[in-house]
Amino acid sequence: MLVELKRKSQVTIPSELVKKLKLKPGDKLEIEEKDGCLIITPVAVIPRNQMWFYSSEWQADEQKVDQQIREGRVKAAKSKEELLDGLGLTEL
């Protein structure tokens, strides 16, 4: 698609792409140059106090838990005592 560079270095993203990528006002876009081309990528900004969730270690553990859930290896305790007993712990 051909777009025109406007004043103040602005371009308009064609509406078909906005809809296809589900972009909305306020979304953040990363712009980088590679081999003479501009690459525009929608990004999500993550608050620093939530970055732990996106670490590779945390995500690997999340995948393990998801697999255990799919395999039916997760139990729900009906009481605190049942939870502690299931974990092999005794109430303090």
N, C-alpha and C. Protein backbone atom coordinates (compact mmCIF):
# COMPACT_ATOMS: atom_id res chain seq x y z
N MET A 1 0.84 -1.18 0.00
CA MET A 1 0.00 0.00 0.00
C MET A 1 0.89 1.24 0.00
N LEU A 2 0.48 2.19 -0.73
CA LEU A 2 1.23 3.42 -0.84
C LEU A 2 0.58 4.48 0.06
N VAL A 3 1.40 5.09 0.93
CA VAL A 3 0.91 6.19 1.78
C VAL A 3 1.84 7.38 1.58
N GLU A 4 1.38 8.55 1.97
CA GLU A 4 2.14 9.78 1.78
C GLU A 4 2.66 10.28 3.12
N LEU A 5 3.91 10.72 3.12
CA LEU A 5 4.50 11.33 4.32
C LEU A 5 3.95 12.75 4.42
N LYS A 6 3.32 13.06 5.54
CA LYS A 6 2.69 14.37 5.76
C LYS A 6 3.62 15.29 6.55
N ARG A 7 3.10 16.47 6.83
CA ARG A 7 3.84 17.41 7.67
C ARG A 7 4.14 16.75 9.01
N LYS A 8 5.17 17.20 9.64
CA LYS A 8 5.58 16.68 10.94
C LYS A 8 5.87 15.19 10.88
N SER A 9 6.26 14.68 9.71
CA SER A 9 6.68 13.28 9.50
C SER A 9 5.58 12.28 9.83
N GLN A 10 4.33 12.62 9.59
CA GLN A 10 3.21 11.74 9.91
C GLN A 10 2.77 10.94 8.69
N VAL A 11 2.33 9.70 8.93
CA VAL A 11 1.71 8.88 7.89
C VAL A 11 0.40 8.34 8.45
N THR A 12 -0.53 8.01 7.57
CA THR A 12 -1.79 7.42 7.98
C THR A 12 -1.75 5.94 7.64
N ILE A 13 -2.05 5.11 8.64
CA ILE A 13 -2.12 3.66 8.41
C ILE A 13 -3.46 3.38 7.74
N PRO A 14 -3.45 2.70 6.60
CA PRO A 14 -4.72 2.41 5.91
C PRO A 14 -5.71 1.67 6.82
N SER A 15 -6.98 2.05 6.71
CA SER A 15 -8.02 1.52 7.60
C SER A 15 -8.12 -0.01 7.53
N GLU A 16 -7.84 -0.59 6.35
CA GLU A 16 -7.90 -2.07 6.25
C GLU A 16 -6.88 -2.72 7.19
N LEU A 17 -5.70 -2.11 7.29
CA LEU A 17 -4.67 -2.65 8.18
C LEU A 17 -5.01 -2.39 9.64
N VAL A 18 -5.58 -1.23 9.92
CA VAL A 18 -6.00 -0.91 11.29
C VAL A 18 -7.01 -1.96 11.76
N LYS A 19 -7.98 -2.28 10.92
CA LYS A 19 -9.00 -3.28 11.27
C LYS A 19 -8.39 -4.67 11.39
N LYS A 20 -7.56 -5.05 10.41
CA LYS A 20 -6.96 -6.39 10.41
C LYS A 20 -6.10 -6.62 11.65
N LEU A 21 -5.34 -5.60 12.05
CA LEU A 21 -4.45 -5.72 13.21
C LEU A 21 -5.13 -5.32 14.51
N LYS A 22 -6.42 -4.93 14.42
CA LYS A 22 -7.19 -4.53 15.59
C LYS A 22 -6.51 -3.41 16.38
N LEU A 23 -6.01 -2.42 15.64
CA LEU A 23 -5.36 -1.27 16.28
C LEU A 23 -6.42 -0.28 16.71
N LYS A 24 -6.10 0.47 17.75
CA LYS A 24 -7.03 1.50 18.22
C LYS A 24 -6.22 2.70 18.71
N PRO A 25 -6.85 3.87 18.79
CA PRO A 25 -6.13 5.06 19.24
C PRO A 25 -5.47 4.82 20.59
N GLY A 26 -4.23 5.26 20.71
CA GLY A 26 -3.49 5.08 21.96
C GLY A 26 -2.57 3.87 21.94
N ASP A 27 -2.75 2.95 20.99
CA ASP A 27 -1.85 1.80 20.89
C ASP A 27 -0.43 2.28 20.62
N LYS A 28 0.54 1.55 21.13
CA LYS A 28 1.95 1.87 20.93
C LYS A 28 2.47 1.08 19.73
N LEU A 29 3.29 1.75 18.91
CA LEU A 29 3.89 1.12 17.74
C LEU A 29 5.39 1.32 17.79
N GLU A 30 6.15 0.27 17.61
CA GLU A 30 7.61 0.37 17.56
C GLU A 30 8.00 0.54 16.10
N ILE A 31 8.86 1.51 15.83
CA ILE A 31 9.33 1.74 14.46
C ILE A 31 10.83 1.54 14.44
N GLU A 32 11.28 0.69 13.53
CA GLU A 32 12.71 0.46 13.39
C GLU A 32 13.08 0.49 11.91
N GLU A 33 14.34 0.78 11.66
CA GLU A 33 14.84 0.80 10.30
C GLU A 33 15.72 -0.43 10.11
N LYS A 34 15.50 -1.13 9.01
CA LYS A 34 16.32 -2.30 8.71
C LYS A 34 16.55 -2.35 7.21
N ASP A 35 17.79 -2.26 6.82
CA ASP A 35 18.17 -2.32 5.40
C ASP A 35 17.40 -1.30 4.56
N GLY A 36 17.25 -0.09 5.08
CA GLY A 36 16.57 0.96 4.32
C GLY A 36 15.06 0.89 4.35
N CYS A 37 14.48 -0.03 5.12
CA CYS A 37 13.02 -0.17 5.23
C CYS A 37 12.57 0.20 6.64
N LEU A 38 11.38 0.75 6.74
CA LEU A 38 10.78 1.02 8.05
C LEU A 38 9.89 -0.16 8.42
N ILE A 39 10.07 -0.66 9.62
CA ILE A 39 9.25 -1.76 10.12
C ILE A 39 8.46 -1.23 11.31
N ILE A 40 7.14 -1.31 11.22
CA ILE A 40 6.26 -0.82 12.28
C ILE A 40 5.59 -2.03 12.93
N THR A 41 5.78 -2.17 14.23
CA THR A 41 5.26 -3.32 14.96
C THR A 41 4.41 -2.87 16.15
N PRO A 42 3.15 -3.31 16.24
CA PRO A 42 2.36 -3.00 17.44
C PRO A 42 3.00 -3.68 18.66
N VAL A 43 3.06 -2.96 19.77
CA VAL A 43 3.65 -3.51 20.99
C VAL A 43 2.74 -3.25 22.18
N ALA A 44 2.90 -4.07 23.20
CA ALA A 44 2.22 -3.86 24.47
C ALA A 44 3.28 -3.41 25.48
N VAL A 45 3.00 -2.34 26.16
CA VAL A 45 3.92 -1.83 27.17
C VAL A 45 3.53 -2.47 28.50
N ILE A 46 4.51 -3.09 29.15
CA ILE A 46 4.27 -3.81 30.40
C ILE A 46 4.85 -3.00 31.56
N PRO A 47 4.04 -2.71 32.58
CA PRO A 47 4.57 -2.01 33.75
C PRO A 47 5.70 -2.83 34.38
N ARG A 48 6.72 -2.15 34.87
CA ARG A 48 7.89 -2.84 35.44
C ARG A 48 7.51 -3.80 36.57
N ASN A 49 6.50 -3.42 37.36
CA ASN A 49 6.15 -4.28 38.49
C ASN A 49 5.43 -5.55 38.04
N GLN A 50 5.17 -5.71 36.73
CA GLN A 50 4.54 -6.92 36.22
C GLN A 50 5.46 -7.69 35.28
N MET A 51 6.67 -7.23 35.09
CA MET A 51 7.58 -7.87 34.13
C MET A 51 7.98 -9.28 34.55
N TRP A 52 7.95 -9.60 35.83
CA TRP A 52 8.30 -10.95 36.29
C TRP A 52 7.45 -12.00 35.58
N PHE A 53 6.18 -11.66 35.31
CA PHE A 53 5.26 -12.62 34.70
C PHE A 53 5.71 -13.00 33.29
N TYR A 54 6.43 -12.13 32.63
CA TYR A 54 6.83 -12.35 31.25
C TYR A 54 8.24 -12.91 31.12
N SER A 55 8.89 -13.21 32.24
CA SER A 55 10.23 -13.80 32.17
C SER A 55 10.14 -15.20 31.58
N SER A 56 11.21 -15.64 30.93
CA SER A 56 11.19 -16.97 30.30
C SER A 56 11.00 -18.07 31.35
N GLU A 57 11.56 -17.89 32.54
CA GLU A 57 11.41 -18.90 33.59
C GLU A 57 9.94 -19.02 34.02
N TRP A 58 9.31 -17.87 34.24
CA TRP A 58 7.91 -17.89 34.69
C TRP A 58 7.02 -18.50 33.61
N GLN A 59 7.22 -18.12 32.38
CA GLN A 59 6.40 -18.64 31.29
C GLN A 59 6.61 -20.14 31.11
N ALA A 60 7.83 -20.64 31.31
CA ALA A 60 8.08 -22.09 31.23
C ALA A 60 7.30 -22.81 32.32
N ASP A 61 7.29 -22.24 33.53
CA ASP A 61 6.52 -22.84 34.62
C ASP A 61 5.02 -22.79 34.34
N GLU A 62 4.55 -21.70 33.74
CA GLU A 62 3.14 -21.59 33.36
C GLU A 62 2.76 -22.69 32.37
N GLN A 63 3.64 -22.99 31.42
CA GLN A 63 3.38 -24.04 30.44
C GLN A 63 3.30 -25.41 31.12
N LYS A 64 4.15 -25.64 32.11
CA LYS A 64 4.10 -26.90 32.86
C LYS A 64 2.77 -27.05 33.59
N VAL A 65 2.33 -25.98 34.22
CA VAL A 65 1.06 -26.01 34.95
C VAL A 65 -0.10 -26.23 33.98
N ASP A 66 -0.08 -25.54 32.84
CA ASP A 66 -1.13 -25.74 31.84
C ASP A 66 -1.20 -27.20 31.41
N GLN A 67 -0.04 -27.83 31.23
CA GLN A 67 0.01 -29.24 30.84
C GLN A 67 -0.59 -30.11 31.95
N GLN A 68 -0.25 -29.83 33.20
CA GLN A 68 -0.79 -30.58 34.32
C GLN A 68 -2.31 -30.44 34.40
N ILE A 69 -2.81 -29.25 34.12
CA ILE A 69 -4.27 -29.04 34.12
C ILE A 69 -4.91 -29.88 33.03
N ARG A 70 -4.32 -29.85 31.81
CA ARG A 70 -4.86 -30.64 30.69
C ARG A 70 -4.87 -32.13 31.02
N GLU A 71 -3.88 -32.59 31.77
CA GLU A 71 -3.77 -34.00 32.13
C GLU A 71 -4.62 -34.36 33.34
N GLY A 72 -5.31 -33.40 33.92
CA GLY A 72 -6.16 -33.67 35.08
C GLY A 72 -5.39 -33.92 36.35
N ARG A 73 -4.18 -33.39 36.45
CA ARG A 73 -3.33 -33.62 37.61
C ARG A 73 -3.46 -32.51 38.65
N VAL A 74 -4.56 -31.76 38.61
CA VAL A 74 -4.78 -30.65 39.55
C VAL A 74 -6.00 -30.97 40.39
N LYS A 75 -5.89 -30.72 41.67
CA LYS A 75 -7.01 -30.98 42.59
C LYS A 75 -7.45 -29.66 43.23
N ALA A 76 -8.71 -29.60 43.61
CA ALA A 76 -9.23 -28.44 44.34
C ALA A 76 -9.55 -28.86 45.76
N ALA A 77 -8.97 -28.15 46.71
CA ALA A 77 -9.22 -28.45 48.11
C ALA A 77 -10.50 -27.75 48.56
N LYS A 78 -11.26 -28.42 49.41
CA LYS A 78 -12.51 -27.85 49.91
C LYS A 78 -12.32 -27.09 51.22
N SER A 79 -11.15 -27.25 51.82
CA SER A 79 -10.88 -26.55 53.07
C SER A 79 -9.38 -26.34 53.20
N LYS A 80 -9.01 -25.48 54.15
CA LYS A 80 -7.60 -25.24 54.41
C LYS A 80 -6.93 -26.53 54.88
N GLU A 81 -7.63 -27.29 55.72
CA GLU A 81 -7.07 -28.53 56.23
C GLU A 81 -6.81 -29.53 55.11
N GLU A 82 -7.77 -29.63 54.16
CA GLU A 82 -7.61 -30.54 53.04
C GLU A 82 -6.45 -30.10 52.15
N LEU A 83 -6.27 -28.81 51.99
CA LEU A 83 -5.16 -28.28 51.20
C LEU A 83 -3.83 -28.65 51.84
N LEU A 84 -3.69 -28.36 53.13
CA LEU A 84 -2.45 -28.66 53.82
C LEU A 84 -2.17 -30.16 53.82
N ASP A 85 -3.20 -30.96 54.02
CA ASP A 85 -3.03 -32.42 54.00
C ASP A 85 -2.57 -32.90 52.61
N GLY A 86 -3.17 -32.35 51.57
CA GLY A 86 -2.80 -32.72 50.22
C GLY A 86 -1.38 -32.34 49.87
N LEU A 87 -0.86 -31.31 50.52
CA LEU A 87 0.52 -30.88 50.30
C LEU A 87 1.48 -31.60 51.23
N GLY A 88 0.95 -32.46 52.07
CA GLY A 88 1.80 -33.19 53.01
C GLY A 88 2.27 -32.32 54.16
N LEU A 89 1.51 -31.28 54.46
CA LEU A 89 1.86 -30.37 55.55
C LEU A 89 0.85 -30.50 56.66
N THR A 90 1.28 -30.18 57.84
CA THR A 90 0.35 -30.17 58.95
C THR A 90 0.11 -28.73 59.36
N GLU A 91 -1.07 -28.47 59.82
CA GLU A 91 -1.44 -27.12 60.23
C GLU A 91 -0.59 -26.70 61.42
N LEU A 92 -0.16 -25.46 61.40
CA LEU A 92 0.67 -24.95 62.51
C LEU A 92 -0.17 -24.54 63.68
